[in-house]
Amino acid sequence: MPTLIFPDRPGNWDISDLKYAATSLNWGTYAMRYRVPDDTQFDSPVLYGDPLFCDIVAVQLGVRLLDQPHDFLLRLDKRFTKRQITLTTLARARKELTKPTFVKSAIDKSITARVYSSGADLPDRNVAPDHLPVLLSEPVRWLLEWRLFVRWGHILAYSLYFREGALDIARTREEQADMLQYAVPLVEEIAELLPDGVVLDIGIIDGSGWAVVEANPVWGGGIYGCEPQYVLHALKVGTVSSESKSPFLRPAIRLEEES
């Protein structure tokens, strides 16, 4: 029986909804801090939470996590991105950016993802290291942004989450149909570039049309208005055994031994 494992933090509505859905599917649920209690075992752990929590707990449980490659957006045909995107280091970006550019970390959320007017405005090395890989893209205006939970190349759950930069999960039937008309063939075409379970964000760029926003780990994506039960089926394939040979394995961290 799968067990949904999540951080012991009150007030997280995503976790509350997923916990309720897990119970309805006869899954186990387990809230914990960063240390797995001694003599605690799970037959089929399914992790959900922030990267630090999931990385630390995965090592203790002897499982691995799936993650999309840092250069995922660069692997896509430009007809799916509709904007110029490059991958570099934070140190180079600080030196080379001379015009407004959207900058986000390629591996975590250690810097705020936003448009920076120049390299001088980027966080210094006291905030993020020089070697941090960052994605640079030309600024665009997203009219709508949708979140898709994808498993094995099929969309299991979806939700609108931003409308012109503001949180909004309400959508019309016409908007939903338009999104699916774009998303279903897109996911089928790029399935080989995606882990077995992944969060894929897509949207409409003002003046350019539908495009891929980004991909994120399925075990850490906010669910917004997605159906929790279907989200769980995508989450289930995001935690894999230590013997997995998937090309999308997230690097395992090394925990310091207690003295």
C-alpha atoms as a PDB file:
ATOM      1  CA  MET A   1       0.000   0.000   0.000  1.00  0.00           C
ATOM      2  CA  PRO A   2       1.422   3.440  -0.903  1.00  0.00           C
ATOM      3  CA  THR A   3       2.102   5.870   1.932  1.00  0.00           C
ATOM      4  CA  LEU A   4       2.029   9.611   1.266  1.00  0.00           C
ATOM      5  CA  ILE A   5       4.849  11.200   3.277  1.00  0.00           C
ATOM      6  CA  PHE A   6       4.861  14.964   3.747  1.00  0.00           C
ATOM      7  CA  PRO A   7       6.273  17.682   6.044  1.00  0.00           C
ATOM      8  CA  ASP A   8       4.674  18.144   9.465  1.00  0.00           C
ATOM      9  CA  ARG A   9       3.669  21.763   8.917  1.00  0.00           C
ATOM     10  CA  PRO A  10       0.197  23.149   9.646  1.00  0.00           C
ATOM     11  CA  GLY A  11      -1.733  25.307   7.234  1.00  0.00           C
ATOM     12  CA  ASN A  12      -0.585  23.810   3.936  1.00  0.00           C
ATOM     13  CA  TRP A  13      -3.794  23.383   1.943  1.00  0.00           C
ATOM     14  CA  ASP A  14      -2.121  21.300  -0.768  1.00  0.00           C
ATOM     15  CA  ILE A  15      -1.047  18.727   1.803  1.00  0.00           C
ATOM     16  CA  SER A  16      -4.454  18.773   3.485  1.00  0.00           C
ATOM     17  CA  ASP A  17      -6.220  18.072   0.196  1.00  0.00           C
ATOM     18  CA  LEU A  18      -3.758  15.355  -0.784  1.00  0.00           C
ATOM     19  CA  LYS A  19      -3.967  13.725   2.632  1.00  0.00           C
ATOM     20  CA  TYR A  20      -7.756  13.554   2.405  1.00  0.00           C
ATOM     21  CA  ALA A  21      -7.558  12.114  -1.123  1.00  0.00           C
ATOM     22  CA  ALA A  22      -4.928   9.566  -0.036  1.00  0.00           C
ATOM     23  CA  THR A  23      -7.193   8.341   2.737  1.00  0.00           C
ATOM     24  CA  SER A  24     -10.063   7.931   0.273  1.00  0.00           C
ATOM     25  CA  LEU A  25      -7.785   5.738  -1.875  1.00  0.00           C
ATOM     26  CA  ASN A  26      -6.810   3.647   1.171  1.00  0.00           C
ATOM     27  CA  TRP A  27      -3.265   4.987   1.106  1.00  0.00           C
ATOM     28  CA  GLY A  28      -1.347   5.495   4.298  1.00  0.00           C
ATOM     29  CA  THR A  29      -0.360   9.022   5.294  1.00  0.00           C
ATOM     30  CA  TYR A  30       2.576  10.084   7.435  1.00  0.00           C
ATOM     31  CA  ALA A  31       3.668  13.557   8.512  1.00  0.00           C
ATOM     32  CA  MET A  32       7.228  14.017   9.756  1.00  0.00           C
ATOM     33  CA  ARG A  33      10.003  16.499  10.208  1.00  0.00           C
ATOM     34  CA  TYR A  34      13.355  15.849   8.564  1.00  0.00           C
ATOM     35  CA  ARG A  35      14.270  12.703  10.459  1.00  0.00           C
ATOM     36  CA  VAL A  36      12.628   9.363   9.769  1.00  0.00           C
ATOM     37  CA  PRO A  37      11.888   7.755  13.154  1.00  0.00           C
ATOM     38  CA  ASP A  38      13.947   4.673  13.967  1.00  0.00           C
ATOM     39  CA  ASP A  39      12.358   1.330  13.038  1.00  0.00           C
ATOM     40  CA  THR A  40       9.839   3.061  10.750  1.00  0.00           C
ATOM     41  CA  GLN A  41       9.419   1.396   7.358  1.00  0.00           C
ATOM     42  CA  PHE A  42       7.177   2.032   4.377  1.00  0.00           C
ATOM     43  CA  ASP A  43       6.516  -0.493   1.622  1.00  0.00           C
ATOM     44  CA  SER A  44       5.779   2.101  -1.065  1.00  0.00           C
ATOM     45  CA  PRO A  45       6.709   5.635   0.097  1.00  0.00           C
ATOM     46  CA  VAL A  46       5.425   8.527  -2.003  1.00  0.00           C
ATOM     47  CA  LEU A  47       7.135  11.805  -1.091  1.00  0.00           C
ATOM     48  CA  TYR A  48       5.597  15.251  -1.386  1.00  0.00           C
ATOM     49  CA  GLY A  49       7.052  18.509  -0.127  1.00  0.00           C
ATOM     50  CA  ASP A  50       9.765  21.076  -0.650  1.00  0.00           C
ATOM     51  CA  PRO A  51      13.105  19.979  -2.185  1.00  0.00           C
ATOM     52  CA  LEU A  52      15.030  20.052   1.110  1.00  0.00           C
ATOM     53  CA  PHE A  53      12.475  17.858   2.865  1.00  0.00           C
ATOM     54  CA  CYS A  54      12.167  15.386   0.004  1.00  0.00           C
ATOM     55  CA  ASP A  55      15.937  15.145  -0.542  1.00  0.00           C
ATOM     56  CA  ILE A  56      16.663  14.459   3.133  1.00  0.00           C
ATOM     57  CA  VAL A  57      13.830  11.975   3.635  1.00  0.00           C
ATOM     58  CA  ALA A  58      14.559  10.146   0.368  1.00  0.00           C
ATOM     59  CA  VAL A  59      18.118   9.384   1.482  1.00  0.00           C
ATOM     60  CA  GLN A  60      16.938   8.031   4.823  1.00  0.00           C
ATOM     61  CA  LEU A  61      14.322   5.824   3.161  1.00  0.00           C
ATOM     62  CA  GLY A  62      16.727   4.570   0.513  1.00  0.00           C
ATOM     63  CA  VAL A  63      14.610   5.799  -2.416  1.00  0.00           C
ATOM     64  CA  ARG A  64      15.276   8.183  -5.294  1.00  0.00           C
ATOM     65  CA  LEU A  65      13.334  11.080  -6.781  1.00  0.00           C
ATOM     66  CA  LEU A  66      12.670  11.901 -10.411  1.00  0.00           C
ATOM     67  CA  ASP A  67      13.478  15.367 -11.699  1.00  0.00           C
ATOM     68  CA  GLN A  68      13.483  17.095 -15.065  1.00  0.00           C
ATOM     69  CA  PRO A  69      16.894  18.040 -16.557  1.00  0.00           C
ATOM     70  CA  HIS A  70      18.115  21.581 -15.913  1.00  0.00           C
ATOM     71  CA  ASP A  71      18.221  22.284 -19.635  1.00  0.00           C
ATOM     72  CA  PHE A  72      14.724  20.952 -20.348  1.00  0.00           C
ATOM     73  CA  LEU A  73      13.521  24.180 -21.948  1.00  0.00           C
ATOM     74  CA  LEU A  74      16.585  24.289 -24.186  1.00  0.00           C
ATOM     75  CA  ARG A  75      15.835  20.768 -25.425  1.00  0.00           C
ATOM     76  CA  LEU A  76      12.447  21.863 -26.710  1.00  0.00           C
ATOM     77  CA  ASP A  77      11.884  23.059 -30.231  1.00  0.00           C
ATOM     78  CA  LYS A  78      11.481  26.842 -30.179  1.00  0.00           C
ATOM     79  CA  ARG A  79       7.910  26.464 -31.470  1.00  0.00           C
ATOM     80  CA  PHE A  80       7.133  25.177 -27.953  1.00  0.00           C
ATOM     81  CA  THR A  81       8.912  27.979 -26.073  1.00  0.00           C
ATOM     82  CA  LYS A  82       8.261  31.041 -28.266  1.00  0.00           C
ATOM     83  CA  ARG A  83      11.117  32.949 -26.638  1.00  0.00           C
ATOM     84  CA  GLN A  84      14.921  33.016 -26.538  1.00  0.00           C
ATOM     85  CA  ILE A  85      16.287  30.971 -23.598  1.00  0.00           C
ATOM     86  CA  THR A  86      19.877  30.314 -22.539  1.00  0.00           C
ATOM     87  CA  LEU A  87      21.543  28.439 -19.665  1.00  0.00           C
ATOM     88  CA  THR A  88      24.524  29.941 -17.880  1.00  0.00           C
ATOM     89  CA  THR A  89      25.950  30.471 -14.399  1.00  0.00           C
ATOM     90  CA  LEU A  90      24.970  33.209 -11.997  1.00  0.00           C
ATOM     91  CA  ALA A  91      28.527  34.575 -12.096  1.00  0.00           C
ATOM     92  CA  ARG A  92      28.427  34.999 -15.876  1.00  0.00           C
ATOM     93  CA  ALA A  93      24.939  36.462 -15.752  1.00  0.00           C
ATOM     94  CA  ARG A  94      26.110  39.099 -13.283  1.00  0.00           C
ATOM     95  CA  LYS A  95      28.844  40.138 -15.728  1.00  0.00           C
ATOM     96  CA  GLU A  96      27.046  39.801 -19.051  1.00  0.00           C
ATOM     97  CA  LEU A  97      23.443  40.949 -18.564  1.00  0.00           C
ATOM     98  CA  THR A  98      23.053  44.452 -19.956  1.00  0.00           C
ATOM     99  CA  LYS A  99      19.297  44.583 -20.622  1.00  0.00           C
ATOM    100  CA  PRO A 100      16.134  43.482 -18.807  1.00  0.00           C
ATOM    101  CA  THR A 101      16.070  39.671 -18.690  1.00  0.00           C
ATOM    102  CA  PHE A 102      13.944  37.090 -16.899  1.00  0.00           C
ATOM    103  CA  VAL A 103      16.241  35.049 -14.653  1.00  0.00           C
ATOM    104  CA  LYS A 104      15.444  31.917 -12.632  1.00  0.00           C
ATOM    105  CA  SER A 105      17.533  29.239 -10.986  1.00  0.00           C
ATOM    106  CA  ALA A 106      17.668  26.044 -13.016  1.00  0.00           C
ATOM    107  CA  ILE A 107      17.803  23.786  -9.952  1.00  0.00           C
ATOM    108  CA  ASP A 108      16.019  25.389  -7.013  1.00  0.00           C
ATOM    109  CA  LYS A 109      14.413  28.589  -5.811  1.00  0.00           C
ATOM    110  CA  SER A 110      17.476  30.134  -4.194  1.00  0.00           C
ATOM    111  CA  ILE A 111      16.970  33.350  -6.170  1.00  0.00           C
ATOM    112  CA  THR A 112      13.708  35.113  -6.946  1.00  0.00           C
ATOM    113  CA  ALA A 113      12.556  34.342 -10.484  1.00  0.00           C
ATOM    114  CA  ARG A 114      11.764  37.688 -12.112  1.00  0.00           C
ATOM    115  CA  VAL A 115      12.902  40.234 -14.665  1.00  0.00           C
ATOM    116  CA  TYR A 116      16.215  41.843 -13.670  1.00  0.00           C
ATOM    117  CA  SER A 117      17.193  45.105 -15.338  1.00  0.00           C
ATOM    118  CA  SER A 118      20.877  44.131 -15.533  1.00  0.00           C
ATOM    119  CA  GLY A 119      23.457  41.793 -14.038  1.00  0.00           C
ATOM    120  CA  ALA A 120      24.155  44.313 -11.303  1.00  0.00           C
ATOM    121  CA  ASP A 121      20.674  43.703  -9.881  1.00  0.00           C
ATOM    122  CA  LEU A 122      21.189  39.951  -9.447  1.00  0.00           C
ATOM    123  CA  PRO A 123      21.763  38.534  -5.941  1.00  0.00           C
ATOM    124  CA  ASP A 124      25.395  38.554  -4.859  1.00  0.00           C
ATOM    125  CA  ARG A 125      27.439  35.511  -3.840  1.00  0.00           C
ATOM    126  CA  ASN A 126      26.351  35.882  -0.211  1.00  0.00           C
ATOM    127  CA  VAL A 127      22.840  34.919  -1.364  1.00  0.00           C
ATOM    128  CA  ALA A 128      23.600  32.405  -4.122  1.00  0.00           C
ATOM    129  CA  PRO A 129      26.887  30.838  -5.313  1.00  0.00           C
ATOM    130  CA  ASP A 130      28.664  31.863  -8.508  1.00  0.00           C
ATOM    131  CA  HIS A 131      28.305  28.373 -10.004  1.00  0.00           C
ATOM    132  CA  LEU A 132      24.493  28.301  -9.654  1.00  0.00           C
ATOM    133  CA  PRO A 133      23.009  27.397 -13.074  1.00  0.00           C
ATOM    134  CA  VAL A 134      20.428  29.946 -14.169  1.00  0.00           C
ATOM    135  CA  LEU A 135      18.037  30.189 -17.091  1.00  0.00           C
ATOM    136  CA  LEU A 136      17.852  33.496 -18.929  1.00  0.00           C
ATOM    137  CA  SER A 137      14.943  34.345 -21.180  1.00  0.00           C
ATOM    138  CA  GLU A 138      13.552  37.374 -22.911  1.00  0.00           C
ATOM    139  CA  PRO A 139      10.729  38.963 -20.921  1.00  0.00           C
ATOM    140  CA  VAL A 140       7.231  38.030 -22.103  1.00  0.00           C
ATOM    141  CA  ARG A 141       3.719  38.689 -20.833  1.00  0.00           C
ATOM    142  CA  TRP A 142       1.779  35.564 -19.914  1.00  0.00           C
ATOM    143  CA  LEU A 143      -1.972  36.004 -20.320  1.00  0.00           C
ATOM    144  CA  LEU A 144      -2.875  32.613 -18.821  1.00  0.00           C
ATOM    145  CA  GLU A 145      -0.793  29.907 -17.113  1.00  0.00           C
ATOM    146  CA  TRP A 146      -1.905  26.319 -16.558  1.00  0.00           C
ATOM    147  CA  ARG A 147      -0.461  23.528 -14.407  1.00  0.00           C
ATOM    148  CA  LEU A 148      -0.514  19.947 -15.681  1.00  0.00           C
ATOM    149  CA  PHE A 149       0.285  16.828 -13.667  1.00  0.00           C
ATOM    150  CA  VAL A 150       1.627  14.322 -16.180  1.00  0.00           C
ATOM    151  CA  ARG A 151       2.285  10.594 -15.800  1.00  0.00           C
ATOM    152  CA  TRP A 152       3.835   8.446 -18.523  1.00  0.00           C
ATOM    153  CA  GLY A 153       3.104  11.044 -21.158  1.00  0.00           C
ATOM    154  CA  HIS A 154      -0.566  11.493 -20.230  1.00  0.00           C
ATOM    155  CA  ILE A 155      -2.209  14.452 -18.494  1.00  0.00           C
ATOM    156  CA  LEU A 156      -3.877  13.271 -15.283  1.00  0.00           C
ATOM    157  CA  ALA A 157      -4.848  16.594 -13.694  1.00  0.00           C
ATOM    158  CA  TYR A 158      -4.795  20.241 -14.657  1.00  0.00           C
ATOM    159  CA  SER A 159      -5.659  23.673 -13.333  1.00  0.00           C
ATOM    160  CA  LEU A 160      -5.442  27.278 -14.365  1.00  0.00           C
ATOM    161  CA  TYR A 161      -3.263  29.078 -11.809  1.00  0.00           C
ATOM    162  CA  PHE A 162      -2.371  32.530 -13.118  1.00  0.00           C
ATOM    163  CA  ARG A 163      -4.357  35.027 -15.166  1.00  0.00           C
ATOM    164  CA  GLU A 164      -2.205  37.962 -16.268  1.00  0.00           C
ATOM    165  CA  GLY A 165       0.172  37.429 -13.355  1.00  0.00           C
ATOM    166  CA  ALA A 166      -2.485  37.126 -10.645  1.00  0.00           C
ATOM    167  CA  LEU A 167      -3.469  33.902  -8.889  1.00  0.00           C
ATOM    168  CA  ASP A 168      -6.695  32.607 -10.425  1.00  0.00           C
ATOM    169  CA  ILE A 169      -7.922  29.020 -10.722  1.00  0.00           C
ATOM    170  CA  ALA A 170     -11.369  29.791 -12.195  1.00  0.00           C
ATOM    171  CA  ARG A 171     -11.637  28.943 -15.871  1.00  0.00           C
ATOM    172  CA  THR A 172     -14.330  28.782 -18.501  1.00  0.00           C
ATOM    173  CA  ARG A 173     -15.199  25.663 -20.474  1.00  0.00           C
ATOM    174  CA  GLU A 174     -13.910  27.370 -23.597  1.00  0.00           C
ATOM    175  CA  GLU A 175     -10.554  28.151 -21.943  1.00  0.00           C
ATOM    176  CA  GLN A 176     -10.245  24.566 -20.739  1.00  0.00           C
ATOM    177  CA  ALA A 177     -11.032  23.138 -24.176  1.00  0.00           C
ATOM    178  CA  ASP A 178      -8.526  25.500 -25.805  1.00  0.00           C
ATOM    179  CA  MET A 179      -5.845  24.453 -23.324  1.00  0.00           C
ATOM    180  CA  LEU A 180      -6.411  20.724 -23.857  1.00  0.00           C
ATOM    181  CA  GLN A 181      -6.371  21.149 -27.612  1.00  0.00           C
ATOM    182  CA  TYR A 182      -2.809  22.461 -27.243  1.00  0.00           C
ATOM    183  CA  ALA A 183      -1.622  20.402 -24.272  1.00  0.00           C
ATOM    184  CA  VAL A 184      -2.585  16.848 -25.278  1.00  0.00           C
ATOM    185  CA  PRO A 185      -0.575  16.695 -28.534  1.00  0.00           C
ATOM    186  CA  LEU A 186       2.230  18.706 -26.908  1.00  0.00           C
ATOM    187  CA  VAL A 187       2.698  16.204 -24.092  1.00  0.00           C
ATOM    188  CA  GLU A 188       2.561  13.284 -26.519  1.00  0.00           C
ATOM    189  CA  GLU A 189       5.257  14.859 -28.702  1.00  0.00           C
ATOM    190  CA  ILE A 190       7.678  15.750 -25.896  1.00  0.00           C
ATOM    191  CA  ALA A 191       7.019  12.698 -23.678  1.00  0.00           C
ATOM    192  CA  GLU A 192      10.571  11.369 -24.133  1.00  0.00           C
ATOM    193  CA  LEU A 193      11.936  14.592 -22.640  1.00  0.00           C
ATOM    194  CA  LEU A 194       9.867  14.205 -19.465  1.00  0.00           C
ATOM    195  CA  PRO A 195      10.256  11.996 -16.374  1.00  0.00           C
ATOM    196  CA  ASP A 196       7.555   9.379 -15.749  1.00  0.00           C
ATOM    197  CA  GLY A 197       5.907  11.859 -13.371  1.00  0.00           C
ATOM    198  CA  VAL A 198       6.288  15.615 -13.822  1.00  0.00           C
ATOM    199  CA  VAL A 199       4.555  18.962 -13.433  1.00  0.00           C
ATOM    200  CA  LEU A 200       4.398  20.809 -16.733  1.00  0.00           C
ATOM    201  CA  ASP A 201       3.353  24.453 -16.858  1.00  0.00           C
ATOM    202  CA  ILE A 202       2.048  25.934 -20.102  1.00  0.00           C
ATOM    203  CA  GLY A 203       0.451  29.232 -20.987  1.00  0.00           C
ATOM    204  CA  ILE A 204      -0.431  31.872 -23.534  1.00  0.00           C
ATOM    205  CA  ILE A 205       2.164  34.532 -24.348  1.00  0.00           C
ATOM    206  CA  ASP A 206       0.696  37.879 -25.368  1.00  0.00           C
ATOM    207  CA  GLY A 207       1.225  38.193 -29.106  1.00  0.00           C
ATOM    208  CA  SER A 208       2.791  34.738 -29.551  1.00  0.00           C
ATOM    209  CA  GLY A 209       0.231  32.165 -28.401  1.00  0.00           C
ATOM    210  CA  TRP A 210       0.602  28.900 -26.513  1.00  0.00           C
ATOM    211  CA  ALA A 211       4.014  27.928 -25.112  1.00  0.00           C
ATOM    212  CA  VAL A 212       5.715  25.900 -22.394  1.00  0.00           C
ATOM    213  CA  VAL A 213       6.462  27.888 -19.241  1.00  0.00           C
ATOM    214  CA  GLU A 214       8.628  25.290 -17.450  1.00  0.00           C
ATOM    215  CA  ALA A 215       8.702  21.812 -15.939  1.00  0.00           C
ATOM    216  CA  ASN A 216       8.977  21.080 -12.213  1.00  0.00           C
ATOM    217  CA  PRO A 217       9.373  17.972 -10.033  1.00  0.00           C
ATOM    218  CA  VAL A 218       6.043  16.239  -9.536  1.00  0.00           C
ATOM    219  CA  TRP A 219       6.781  15.693  -5.828  1.00  0.00           C
ATOM    220  CA  GLY A 220       7.057  19.433  -5.139  1.00  0.00           C
ATOM    221  CA  GLY A 221       4.428  21.087  -7.320  1.00  0.00           C
ATOM    222  CA  GLY A 222       1.529  23.038  -5.856  1.00  0.00           C
ATOM    223  CA  ILE A 223      -1.759  21.509  -6.958  1.00  0.00           C
ATOM    224  CA  TYR A 224      -3.876  24.695  -7.218  1.00  0.00           C
ATOM    225  CA  GLY A 225      -7.287  23.539  -8.500  1.00  0.00           C
ATOM    226  CA  CYS A 226      -6.130  20.113  -9.710  1.00  0.00           C
ATOM    227  CA  GLU A 227      -8.111  17.058  -8.616  1.00  0.00           C
ATOM    228  CA  PRO A 228      -6.082  15.663  -5.659  1.00  0.00           C
ATOM    229  CA  GLN A 229      -6.804  11.983  -6.370  1.00  0.00           C
ATOM    230  CA  TYR A 230      -5.429  12.271  -9.891  1.00  0.00           C
ATOM    231  CA  VAL A 231      -2.449  14.256  -8.607  1.00  0.00           C
ATOM    232  CA  LEU A 232      -1.626  11.343  -6.293  1.00  0.00           C
ATOM    233  CA  HIS A 233      -1.410   8.948  -9.237  1.00  0.00           C
ATOM    234  CA  ALA A 234       1.202  11.239 -10.798  1.00  0.00           C
ATOM    235  CA  LEU A 235       3.038  11.623  -7.473  1.00  0.00           C
ATOM    236  CA  LYS A 236       3.256   7.863  -7.100  1.00  0.00           C
ATOM    237  CA  VAL A 237       5.724   7.528  -9.990  1.00  0.00           C
ATOM    238  CA  GLY A 238       7.877  10.452  -8.813  1.00  0.00           C
ATOM    239  CA  THR A 239       9.421   8.401  -5.984  1.00  0.00           C
ATOM    240  CA  VAL A 240      11.329   5.368  -7.264  1.00  0.00           C
ATOM    241  CA  SER A 241      13.501   2.598  -5.854  1.00  0.00           C
ATOM    242  CA  SER A 242      17.231   3.008  -5.378  1.00  0.00           C
ATOM    243  CA  GLU A 243      17.749   0.462  -8.175  1.00  0.00           C
ATOM    244  CA  SER A 244      15.952   2.597 -10.757  1.00  0.00           C
ATOM    245  CA  LYS A 245      17.860   3.192 -13.985  1.00  0.00           C
ATOM    246  CA  SER A 246      15.761   6.175 -15.037  1.00  0.00           C
ATOM    247  CA  PRO A 247      17.763   8.883 -16.845  1.00  0.00           C
ATOM    248  CA  PHE A 248      15.767  11.421 -14.831  1.00  0.00           C
ATOM    249  CA  LEU A 249      17.048  10.519 -11.347  1.00  0.00           C
ATOM    250  CA  ARG A 250      17.623  13.518  -9.098  1.00  0.00           C
ATOM    251  CA  PRO A 251      21.124  13.511  -7.568  1.00  0.00           C
ATOM    252  CA  ALA A 252      20.989  12.054  -4.053  1.00  0.00           C
ATOM    253  CA  ILE A 253      22.343  14.253  -1.298  1.00  0.00           C
ATOM    254  CA  ARG A 254      24.828  13.055   1.300  1.00  0.00           C
ATOM    255  CA  LEU A 255      23.839  13.356   4.933  1.00  0.00           C
ATOM    256  CA  GLU A 256      26.467  14.093   7.554  1.00  0.00           C
ATOM    257  CA  GLU A 257      26.797  11.335  10.109  1.00  0.00           C
ATOM    258  CA  GLU A 258      26.065  12.258  13.692  1.00  0.00           C
ATOM    259  CA  SER A 259      29.120  12.256  15.923  1.00  0.00           C
END
